[in-house]
Every structure is written in C-alpha cells, then in structure tokens.
N, C-alpha and C. Protein backbone atom coordinates (compact mmCIF):
# COMPACT_ATOMS: atom_id res chain seq x y z
N MET A 1 91.70 76.59 95.96
CA MET A 1 91.52 77.88 95.32
C MET A 1 92.89 78.45 94.97
N ASP A 2 93.00 79.05 93.78
CA ASP A 2 94.25 79.64 93.33
C ASP A 2 94.46 80.97 94.02
N LYS A 3 95.55 81.09 94.80
CA LYS A 3 95.81 82.32 95.55
C LYS A 3 96.84 83.20 94.86
N SER A 4 97.17 82.90 93.60
CA SER A 4 98.18 83.69 92.90
C SER A 4 97.62 85.02 92.41
N GLY A 5 96.33 85.23 92.53
CA GLY A 5 95.76 86.50 92.15
C GLY A 5 94.77 86.36 91.02
N ILE A 6 94.38 87.49 90.50
CA ILE A 6 93.36 87.54 89.47
C ILE A 6 93.95 87.22 88.10
N LYS A 7 93.12 86.73 87.23
CA LYS A 7 93.52 86.46 85.86
C LYS A 7 92.71 87.36 84.94
N TRP A 8 93.06 87.37 83.67
CA TRP A 8 92.39 88.26 82.71
C TRP A 8 90.89 88.02 82.66
N ASP A 9 90.47 86.75 82.76
CA ASP A 9 89.04 86.49 82.71
C ASP A 9 88.32 87.08 83.93
N GLY A 10 88.99 87.14 85.07
CA GLY A 10 88.40 87.78 86.25
C GLY A 10 88.21 89.28 86.05
N ILE A 11 89.19 89.91 85.44
CA ILE A 11 89.07 91.34 85.14
C ILE A 11 87.96 91.57 84.13
N LEU A 12 87.91 90.70 83.11
CA LEU A 12 86.87 90.83 82.08
C LEU A 12 85.47 90.67 82.68
N ILE A 13 85.31 89.71 83.58
CA ILE A 13 84.01 89.50 84.23
C ILE A 13 83.63 90.74 85.04
N ARG A 14 84.58 91.31 85.74
CA ARG A 14 84.30 92.53 86.51
C ARG A 14 83.94 93.69 85.59
N PHE A 15 84.62 93.80 84.46
CA PHE A 15 84.33 94.87 83.50
C PHE A 15 82.93 94.70 82.90
N VAL A 16 82.59 93.49 82.49
CA VAL A 16 81.26 93.24 81.92
C VAL A 16 80.18 93.51 82.97
N THR A 17 80.43 93.10 84.21
CA THR A 17 79.46 93.37 85.28
C THR A 17 79.32 94.87 85.50
N ALA A 18 80.43 95.60 85.48
CA ALA A 18 80.37 97.06 85.64
C ALA A 18 79.63 97.69 84.47
N LEU A 19 79.87 97.19 83.25
CA LEU A 19 79.13 97.70 82.08
C LEU A 19 77.63 97.52 82.27
N PHE A 20 77.22 96.31 82.70
CA PHE A 20 75.80 96.07 82.93
C PHE A 20 75.25 97.03 83.98
N LEU A 21 75.97 97.20 85.07
CA LEU A 21 75.52 98.09 86.13
C LEU A 21 75.35 99.52 85.63
N VAL A 22 76.36 100.03 84.98
CA VAL A 22 76.34 101.42 84.51
C VAL A 22 75.26 101.61 83.44
N PHE A 23 75.21 100.71 82.45
CA PHE A 23 74.27 100.89 81.35
C PHE A 23 72.84 100.54 81.73
N LEU A 24 72.64 99.68 82.74
CA LEU A 24 71.29 99.46 83.24
C LEU A 24 70.79 100.67 84.02
N SER A 25 71.70 101.35 84.69
CA SER A 25 71.32 102.53 85.47
C SER A 25 70.96 103.70 84.57
N TYR A 26 71.82 103.95 83.57
CA TYR A 26 71.56 105.05 82.62
C TYR A 26 72.33 104.79 81.34
N ASN A 27 71.71 105.09 80.23
CA ASN A 27 72.38 105.12 78.94
C ASN A 27 71.57 106.01 78.00
N PRO A 28 72.21 106.52 76.96
CA PRO A 28 71.51 107.47 76.09
C PRO A 28 70.44 106.85 75.19
N SER A 29 70.35 105.53 75.13
CA SER A 29 69.38 104.90 74.23
C SER A 29 67.93 105.11 74.69
N GLY A 30 67.75 105.41 75.98
CA GLY A 30 66.41 105.57 76.50
C GLY A 30 65.89 104.32 77.19
N TYR A 31 66.66 103.23 77.16
CA TYR A 31 66.27 101.99 77.82
C TYR A 31 67.18 101.77 79.03
N SER A 32 66.81 102.36 80.15
CA SER A 32 67.59 102.25 81.37
C SER A 32 66.66 102.43 82.56
N TYR A 33 67.18 102.16 83.74
CA TYR A 33 66.39 102.36 84.96
C TYR A 33 65.96 103.82 85.07
N PHE A 34 66.88 104.72 84.81
CA PHE A 34 66.58 106.15 84.88
C PHE A 34 65.38 106.50 84.00
N HIS A 35 65.40 106.05 82.75
CA HIS A 35 64.31 106.38 81.83
C HIS A 35 63.01 105.68 82.22
N TRP A 36 63.12 104.45 82.71
CA TRP A 36 61.95 103.69 83.13
C TRP A 36 61.22 104.43 84.25
N VAL A 37 61.96 104.88 85.24
CA VAL A 37 61.36 105.57 86.37
C VAL A 37 60.88 106.96 85.96
N ARG A 38 61.70 107.67 85.21
CA ARG A 38 61.31 109.03 84.79
C ARG A 38 60.02 109.02 83.97
N ASN A 39 59.87 108.05 83.08
CA ASN A 39 58.67 107.98 82.24
C ASN A 39 57.44 107.55 83.01
N ALA A 40 57.64 106.94 84.17
CA ALA A 40 56.51 106.47 84.97
C ALA A 40 56.09 107.48 86.05
N LEU A 41 56.85 108.56 86.22
CA LEU A 41 56.53 109.53 87.27
C LEU A 41 55.09 110.00 87.16
N PRO A 42 54.38 110.17 88.22
CA PRO A 42 54.71 109.91 89.61
C PRO A 42 54.25 108.53 90.09
N ASP A 43 53.94 107.64 89.17
CA ASP A 43 53.39 106.33 89.52
C ASP A 43 54.48 105.27 89.66
N TYR A 44 55.10 105.22 90.83
CA TYR A 44 56.11 104.20 91.11
C TYR A 44 55.42 102.86 91.37
N THR A 45 56.09 101.80 91.03
CA THR A 45 55.58 100.46 91.33
C THR A 45 56.57 99.78 92.27
N PRO A 46 56.11 98.75 92.98
CA PRO A 46 57.04 98.01 93.85
C PRO A 46 58.22 97.43 93.06
N LEU A 47 57.99 97.02 91.82
CA LEU A 47 59.08 96.49 90.99
C LEU A 47 60.14 97.56 90.72
N MET A 48 59.72 98.78 90.47
CA MET A 48 60.66 99.88 90.24
C MET A 48 61.50 100.14 91.49
N ILE A 49 60.85 100.16 92.63
CA ILE A 49 61.56 100.41 93.88
C ILE A 49 62.53 99.27 94.16
N PHE A 50 62.07 98.03 93.98
CA PHE A 50 62.94 96.87 94.20
C PHE A 50 64.15 96.91 93.27
N ALA A 51 63.92 97.18 91.99
CA ALA A 51 65.02 97.27 91.03
C ALA A 51 65.98 98.40 91.43
N GLY A 52 65.45 99.50 91.91
CA GLY A 52 66.29 100.61 92.36
C GLY A 52 67.15 100.23 93.55
N VAL A 53 66.57 99.48 94.48
CA VAL A 53 67.34 99.04 95.65
C VAL A 53 68.45 98.08 95.23
N VAL A 54 68.15 97.16 94.31
CA VAL A 54 69.17 96.24 93.81
C VAL A 54 70.30 97.01 93.13
N LEU A 55 69.95 97.97 92.27
CA LEU A 55 70.98 98.79 91.62
C LEU A 55 71.79 99.57 92.65
N LEU A 56 71.13 100.12 93.65
CA LEU A 56 71.83 100.87 94.69
C LEU A 56 72.81 99.98 95.44
N ILE A 57 72.40 98.77 95.77
CA ILE A 57 73.30 97.84 96.45
C ILE A 57 74.53 97.56 95.59
N LEU A 58 74.31 97.30 94.31
CA LEU A 58 75.44 97.03 93.41
C LEU A 58 76.36 98.24 93.28
N TRP A 59 75.77 99.44 93.17
CA TRP A 59 76.60 100.65 93.10
C TRP A 59 77.44 100.82 94.36
N VAL A 60 76.84 100.58 95.53
CA VAL A 60 77.58 100.72 96.78
C VAL A 60 78.72 99.72 96.84
N ILE A 61 78.47 98.48 96.42
CA ILE A 61 79.53 97.46 96.42
C ILE A 61 80.66 97.89 95.50
N PHE A 62 80.34 98.29 94.29
CA PHE A 62 81.38 98.69 93.33
C PHE A 62 82.12 99.94 93.77
N LEU A 63 81.38 100.96 94.21
CA LEU A 63 82.03 102.21 94.60
C LEU A 63 82.90 102.04 95.84
N ARG A 64 82.39 101.30 96.80
CA ARG A 64 83.15 101.09 98.04
C ARG A 64 84.44 100.32 97.77
N ALA A 65 84.33 99.26 96.97
CA ALA A 65 85.53 98.48 96.63
C ALA A 65 86.52 99.32 95.83
N THR A 66 86.01 100.13 94.91
CA THR A 66 86.88 100.98 94.09
C THR A 66 87.58 102.02 94.95
N LEU A 67 86.85 102.68 95.83
CA LEU A 67 87.46 103.69 96.69
C LEU A 67 88.47 103.08 97.65
N ARG A 68 88.16 101.90 98.18
CA ARG A 68 89.08 101.24 99.12
C ARG A 68 90.36 100.78 98.43
N SER A 69 90.24 100.22 97.24
CA SER A 69 91.42 99.66 96.59
C SER A 69 92.27 100.72 95.90
N LEU A 70 91.65 101.70 95.28
CA LEU A 70 92.41 102.73 94.56
C LEU A 70 92.78 103.91 95.44
N GLY A 71 91.91 104.26 96.37
CA GLY A 71 92.13 105.46 97.16
C GLY A 71 91.90 106.70 96.30
N LEU A 72 91.98 107.86 96.91
CA LEU A 72 91.71 109.11 96.20
C LEU A 72 92.75 109.35 95.11
N ILE A 73 94.02 109.18 95.42
CA ILE A 73 95.07 109.44 94.43
C ILE A 73 94.96 108.45 93.28
N GLY A 74 94.73 107.17 93.58
CA GLY A 74 94.57 106.17 92.53
C GLY A 74 93.36 106.45 91.66
N LEU A 75 92.28 106.90 92.28
CA LEU A 75 91.09 107.24 91.52
C LEU A 75 91.35 108.42 90.59
N ILE A 76 92.03 109.43 91.09
CA ILE A 76 92.38 110.59 90.27
C ILE A 76 93.27 110.16 89.10
N LEU A 77 94.27 109.32 89.39
CA LEU A 77 95.17 108.85 88.33
C LEU A 77 94.44 107.99 87.29
N THR A 78 93.51 107.17 87.75
CA THR A 78 92.75 106.33 86.82
C THR A 78 91.89 107.18 85.90
N PHE A 79 91.19 108.16 86.48
CA PHE A 79 90.39 109.06 85.65
C PHE A 79 91.28 109.90 84.74
N ALA A 80 92.45 110.30 85.23
CA ALA A 80 93.39 111.06 84.39
C ALA A 80 93.86 110.21 83.22
N PHE A 81 94.15 108.93 83.47
CA PHE A 81 94.57 108.02 82.41
C PHE A 81 93.50 107.92 81.33
N PHE A 82 92.27 107.61 81.75
CA PHE A 82 91.21 107.45 80.76
C PHE A 82 90.82 108.78 80.13
N GLY A 83 90.86 109.86 80.90
CA GLY A 83 90.54 111.17 80.35
C GLY A 83 91.52 111.58 79.26
N THR A 84 92.81 111.37 79.52
CA THR A 84 93.79 111.72 78.49
C THR A 84 93.74 110.75 77.32
N LEU A 85 93.36 109.49 77.56
CA LEU A 85 93.19 108.54 76.46
C LEU A 85 92.05 109.00 75.55
N VAL A 86 90.93 109.40 76.13
CA VAL A 86 89.81 109.90 75.32
C VAL A 86 90.22 111.18 74.60
N TRP A 87 90.94 112.05 75.27
CA TRP A 87 91.42 113.28 74.65
C TRP A 87 92.31 112.95 73.44
N LEU A 88 93.17 111.96 73.60
CA LEU A 88 94.04 111.53 72.51
C LEU A 88 93.20 111.01 71.34
N LEU A 89 92.18 110.21 71.62
CA LEU A 89 91.31 109.70 70.56
C LEU A 89 90.55 110.82 69.86
N VAL A 90 90.15 111.83 70.63
CA VAL A 90 89.49 112.99 70.04
C VAL A 90 90.47 113.76 69.16
N ASP A 91 91.70 113.94 69.65
CA ASP A 91 92.72 114.65 68.89
C ASP A 91 93.06 113.94 67.58
N TRP A 92 93.02 112.61 67.61
CA TRP A 92 93.28 111.83 66.39
C TRP A 92 92.04 111.70 65.52
N LYS A 93 90.96 112.37 65.93
CA LYS A 93 89.69 112.39 65.20
C LYS A 93 89.04 111.01 65.11
N LEU A 94 89.27 110.17 66.13
CA LEU A 94 88.65 108.85 66.19
C LEU A 94 87.33 108.89 66.96
N VAL A 95 87.12 109.97 67.73
CA VAL A 95 85.89 110.16 68.50
C VAL A 95 85.25 111.47 68.04
N PRO A 96 84.02 111.40 67.53
CA PRO A 96 83.34 112.62 67.08
C PRO A 96 82.78 113.42 68.26
N VAL A 97 83.42 114.52 68.61
CA VAL A 97 82.97 115.29 69.77
C VAL A 97 81.65 116.00 69.54
N ASP A 98 81.24 116.14 68.28
CA ASP A 98 79.96 116.79 68.01
C ASP A 98 78.78 115.82 68.16
N ASN A 99 79.07 114.55 68.40
CA ASN A 99 78.03 113.55 68.60
C ASN A 99 77.90 113.27 70.10
N VAL A 100 76.90 113.89 70.72
CA VAL A 100 76.72 113.79 72.17
C VAL A 100 76.46 112.35 72.59
N GLU A 101 75.71 111.61 71.80
CA GLU A 101 75.41 110.22 72.15
C GLU A 101 76.68 109.37 72.17
N ALA A 102 77.55 109.55 71.18
CA ALA A 102 78.81 108.78 71.13
C ALA A 102 79.69 109.13 72.33
N VAL A 103 79.78 110.40 72.64
CA VAL A 103 80.59 110.83 73.79
C VAL A 103 79.99 110.26 75.08
N SER A 104 78.66 110.25 75.18
CA SER A 104 78.01 109.69 76.38
C SER A 104 78.35 108.22 76.55
N TYR A 105 78.32 107.45 75.46
CA TYR A 105 78.67 106.04 75.54
C TYR A 105 80.12 105.86 75.96
N ILE A 106 81.00 106.70 75.47
CA ILE A 106 82.42 106.61 75.85
C ILE A 106 82.60 106.92 77.33
N VAL A 107 81.94 107.96 77.81
CA VAL A 107 82.02 108.31 79.24
C VAL A 107 81.50 107.17 80.11
N LEU A 108 80.39 106.55 79.71
CA LEU A 108 79.84 105.43 80.47
C LEU A 108 80.78 104.22 80.44
N ALA A 109 81.42 103.98 79.31
CA ALA A 109 82.38 102.88 79.22
C ALA A 109 83.60 103.16 80.09
N VAL A 110 84.06 104.41 80.12
CA VAL A 110 85.19 104.78 80.98
C VAL A 110 84.81 104.59 82.45
N LEU A 111 83.62 105.01 82.83
CA LEU A 111 83.17 104.80 84.21
C LEU A 111 83.15 103.31 84.55
N SER A 112 82.69 102.49 83.62
CA SER A 112 82.68 101.04 83.82
C SER A 112 84.11 100.51 83.98
N ALA A 113 85.03 101.01 83.17
CA ALA A 113 86.42 100.57 83.26
C ALA A 113 87.03 100.96 84.60
N VAL A 114 86.73 102.16 85.07
CA VAL A 114 87.26 102.60 86.37
C VAL A 114 86.72 101.71 87.48
N LEU A 115 85.42 101.39 87.43
CA LEU A 115 84.84 100.51 88.46
C LEU A 115 85.46 99.12 88.39
N ALA A 116 85.68 98.60 87.19
CA ALA A 116 86.28 97.27 87.04
C ALA A 116 87.71 97.26 87.55
N ILE A 117 88.46 98.30 87.26
CA ILE A 117 89.83 98.39 87.77
C ILE A 117 89.81 98.48 89.29
N GLY A 118 88.90 99.27 89.82
CA GLY A 118 88.79 99.39 91.27
C GLY A 118 88.44 98.07 91.92
N MET A 119 87.57 97.29 91.29
CA MET A 119 87.21 95.98 91.83
C MET A 119 88.36 94.99 91.73
N SER A 120 89.27 95.20 90.80
CA SER A 120 90.35 94.24 90.53
C SER A 120 91.70 94.69 91.07
N TRP A 121 91.84 95.94 91.48
CA TRP A 121 93.15 96.52 91.75
C TRP A 121 93.94 95.79 92.84
N SER A 122 93.30 95.39 93.91
CA SER A 122 94.04 94.70 94.98
C SER A 122 94.69 93.43 94.44
N HIS A 123 93.98 92.71 93.59
CA HIS A 123 94.53 91.49 92.99
C HIS A 123 95.67 91.81 92.02
N ILE A 124 95.47 92.86 91.22
CA ILE A 124 96.51 93.26 90.25
C ILE A 124 97.77 93.69 90.98
N ARG A 125 97.61 94.51 92.01
CA ARG A 125 98.76 94.99 92.77
C ARG A 125 99.51 93.82 93.41
N ARG A 126 98.76 92.85 93.93
CA ARG A 126 99.41 91.68 94.53
C ARG A 126 100.21 90.90 93.49
N ARG A 127 99.69 90.78 92.27
CA ARG A 127 100.41 90.07 91.21
C ARG A 127 101.67 90.83 90.80
N ILE A 128 101.58 92.17 90.74
CA ILE A 128 102.71 92.98 90.30
C ILE A 128 103.79 93.08 91.37
N THR A 129 103.38 93.34 92.61
CA THR A 129 104.35 93.65 93.67
C THR A 129 104.58 92.52 94.66
N GLY A 130 103.66 91.59 94.74
CA GLY A 130 103.76 90.55 95.75
C GLY A 130 103.25 90.99 97.11
N GLN A 131 102.81 92.24 97.23
CA GLN A 131 102.30 92.75 98.50
C GLN A 131 100.85 92.32 98.68
N VAL A 132 100.52 91.98 99.90
CA VAL A 132 99.17 91.53 100.23
C VAL A 132 98.49 92.61 101.06
N ASP A 133 97.22 92.90 100.73
CA ASP A 133 96.45 93.81 101.55
C ASP A 133 96.12 93.15 102.87
N VAL A 134 95.94 93.94 103.90
CA VAL A 134 95.60 93.41 105.22
C VAL A 134 94.30 92.63 105.14
N ASP A 135 93.35 93.06 104.33
CA ASP A 135 92.08 92.35 104.19
C ASP A 135 92.26 90.98 103.58
N ASP A 136 93.37 90.76 102.83
CA ASP A 136 93.60 89.50 102.13
C ASP A 136 94.24 88.44 103.00
N VAL A 137 94.80 88.81 104.16
CA VAL A 137 95.51 87.87 104.99
C VAL A 137 94.50 87.00 105.73
N GLU A 138 94.69 85.67 105.60
CA GLU A 138 93.80 84.74 106.28
C GLU A 138 94.47 84.27 107.57
N PRO A 139 93.69 84.12 108.63
CA PRO A 139 94.27 83.61 109.90
C PRO A 139 94.73 82.17 109.71
N GLU A 140 95.79 81.81 110.44
CA GLU A 140 96.32 80.45 110.33
C GLU A 140 95.63 79.50 111.24
C-alpha cells in the first residue's frame, strides 16, 4: 500500500461520495430522501426507515471525520473560504442570487466540498507538512 498520502483521485472519490450523500439527503429538485419521506407522511415504510438509517450512518462518518481532521478553526476557515468564493462569484455576477434553486445547489455543493476536504485533510496535511496524525501511526 502506498503510504505517501492521498492522490487527486482519492480526493475526487471523496467529493463525489459527499455529493451523493448530500444530494440524496436533500436537493431542490424534489427527488431526495427528504422529499420521499415528507410526501409519504404519515405512512413510513421499513425501506424508508432503513434508507434513513444508512444515510444517518454515512452522515455520522463524514461529519465525525471532518470535525476530527479540521477541528473547529479549520471548519470555520473552510466555510469562510467557500463563503467568500461564492460571494466573489455573486459579485462578478456569475451566480444569480435571485434564483433560489441555483443558490441552493451551490450551497449543497459547498457542503459536499467541505465534507470531502474534511475526509481528506489528514492525508493532505501529511503530504504538505510531513506530519503524521497519531491515528495514522502503525505499531511496529
């Protein structure tokens, strides 16, 4: 196994997985877990509950890894980075702020990017600095 750290394809896989997680949970198109359950109220099915538990497990994995690797300050800085990037795109008139659906998609994509960075950050930091997290050290 290559111990030199993560590669671009690893980050891309994490980002695509985060996109699936976020957009399966909710998206403005109306085709998401949220809409599926909301439209079925109050008649839940075992499949709905099972799908909800699977989504919850994935959210916990992503959120826990993101919080552990970035920490509070890193999370604030990551959201600040993407927030100011979106603000810049709005200022350059590349993002239509009067289109709620477009803004919703951008916010969901930013959330996916933050989760992907959080899932990848320990590897990225190790590549940049050479420092290893305590969790990464294997016993001899």
